[in-house]
Amino acid sequence: MIGFTFGTSFERTAIDAGSTPLMFLLATFIVPWKVFLPANTMVDFMTAIQKIFPSYYAYQMVQQDGQLWKNIGMFATSFVITLLPFFIAIAAKLRHH
């Protein structure tokens, strides 16, 4: 959905130039920073930001930390919240055409 939104919103050359940096940025949200780094204020802050995105909860489900149903619920909630702005952008773009 995110790729479709970008594809309909930007020119092809802009997508080609921005796709790799965007993927690197999004990759920082997959595995919680606290797995690799000792806890400090920055790591705690980044982990709080990661909890907005579904990939954080997908990682937690894979780790099987004993809270599977909670993680599934949070995954679904964050999935909807994350994609909602892109659905709105597509709907607005379709209205104007």
Protein backbone atom coordinates (compact mmCIF):
# COMPACT_ATOMS: atom_id res chain seq x y z
CA MET A 1 0.00 0.00 0.00
CA ILE A 2 2.83 2.38 0.82
CA GLY A 3 4.57 1.64 -2.47
CA PHE A 4 1.33 2.12 -4.40
CA THR A 5 0.77 5.48 -2.72
CA PHE A 6 4.28 6.64 -3.58
CA GLY A 7 3.93 5.31 -7.11
CA THR A 8 0.78 7.33 -7.73
CA SER A 9 2.07 10.44 -5.98
CA PHE A 10 5.61 10.96 -7.26
CA GLU A 11 7.46 10.85 -10.56
CA ARG A 12 9.38 7.71 -11.45
CA THR A 13 12.80 9.34 -11.15
CA ALA A 14 11.99 10.61 -7.66
CA ILE A 15 10.89 7.12 -6.60
CA ASP A 16 14.06 5.59 -8.05
CA ALA A 17 16.22 8.09 -6.17
CA GLY A 18 14.36 7.87 -2.88
CA SER A 19 13.54 4.18 -2.59
CA THR A 20 16.87 2.99 -1.20
CA PRO A 21 17.20 5.66 1.52
CA LEU A 22 13.56 5.09 2.44
CA MET A 23 14.12 1.34 2.80
CA PHE A 24 17.17 1.96 5.02
CA LEU A 25 15.08 4.26 7.19
CA LEU A 26 12.24 1.74 7.46
CA ALA A 27 14.68 -1.08 8.21
CA THR A 28 15.66 0.67 11.44
CA PHE A 29 12.15 -0.04 12.74
CA ILE A 30 12.16 -3.82 12.27
CA VAL A 31 14.26 -5.14 15.16
CA PRO A 32 14.06 -3.29 18.50
CA TRP A 33 17.24 -1.37 19.22
CA LYS A 34 17.33 -2.74 22.75
CA VAL A 35 18.21 -6.16 21.31
CA PHE A 36 21.58 -4.89 20.07
CA LEU A 37 22.38 -1.89 22.26
CA PRO A 38 22.48 -1.35 26.02
CA ALA A 39 19.52 0.53 27.43
CA ASN A 40 19.85 4.29 27.57
CA THR A 41 17.59 7.25 26.86
CA MET A 42 18.12 7.17 23.08
CA VAL A 43 17.50 3.42 22.82
CA ASP A 44 14.36 3.72 24.94
CA PHE A 45 13.15 6.62 22.77
CA MET A 46 13.73 4.69 19.53
CA THR A 47 12.00 1.62 20.97
CA ALA A 48 8.98 3.78 21.83
CA ILE A 49 8.89 5.01 18.23
CA GLN A 50 9.25 1.44 16.93
CA LYS A 51 6.14 0.43 18.88
CA ILE A 52 4.06 2.53 16.47
CA PHE A 53 4.95 0.24 13.58
CA PRO A 54 3.72 -3.33 13.00
CA SER A 55 7.20 -4.71 12.42
CA TYR A 56 7.98 -4.29 16.15
CA TYR A 57 5.11 -6.61 17.07
CA ALA A 58 5.90 -9.05 14.25
CA TYR A 59 9.38 -9.39 15.74
CA GLN A 60 7.86 -9.93 19.19
CA MET A 61 5.59 -12.69 17.80
CA VAL A 62 8.58 -14.43 16.24
CA GLN A 63 10.44 -14.26 19.55
CA GLN A 64 7.46 -15.97 21.25
CA ASP A 65 7.73 -13.97 24.43
CA GLY A 66 4.59 -15.55 25.93
CA GLN A 67 2.25 -12.72 24.99
CA LEU A 68 1.20 -13.93 21.54
CA TRP A 69 -2.40 -12.69 21.61
CA LYS A 70 -1.40 -9.28 22.94
CA ASN A 71 1.24 -8.98 20.21
CA ILE A 72 -1.23 -10.07 17.52
CA GLY A 73 -3.71 -7.45 18.70
CA MET A 74 -1.07 -4.74 18.81
CA PHE A 75 0.23 -5.81 15.39
CA ALA A 76 -3.25 -5.45 13.88
CA THR A 77 -3.84 -2.11 15.58
CA SER A 78 -0.50 -0.63 14.53
CA PHE A 79 -0.97 -2.04 11.01
CA VAL A 80 -4.25 -0.14 10.61
CA ILE A 81 -2.88 3.04 12.21
CA THR A 82 0.23 2.97 10.03
CA LEU A 83 -1.66 2.40 6.78
CA LEU A 84 -4.55 4.78 7.48
CA PRO A 85 -2.72 7.92 6.23
CA PHE A 86 -1.86 6.11 2.99
CA PHE A 87 -5.48 5.03 2.47
CA ILE A 88 -6.58 8.63 3.02
CA ALA A 89 -3.96 9.89 0.54
CA ILE A 90 -5.11 7.42 -2.12
CA ALA A 91 -8.76 8.27 -1.52
CA ALA A 92 -8.01 12.00 -1.84
CA LYS A 93 -6.03 11.41 -5.03
CA LEU A 94 -8.86 9.33 -6.54
CA ARG A 95 -11.40 12.04 -5.69
CA HIS A 96 -9.43 14.63 -7.62
CA HIS A 97 -9.30 12.52 -10.77
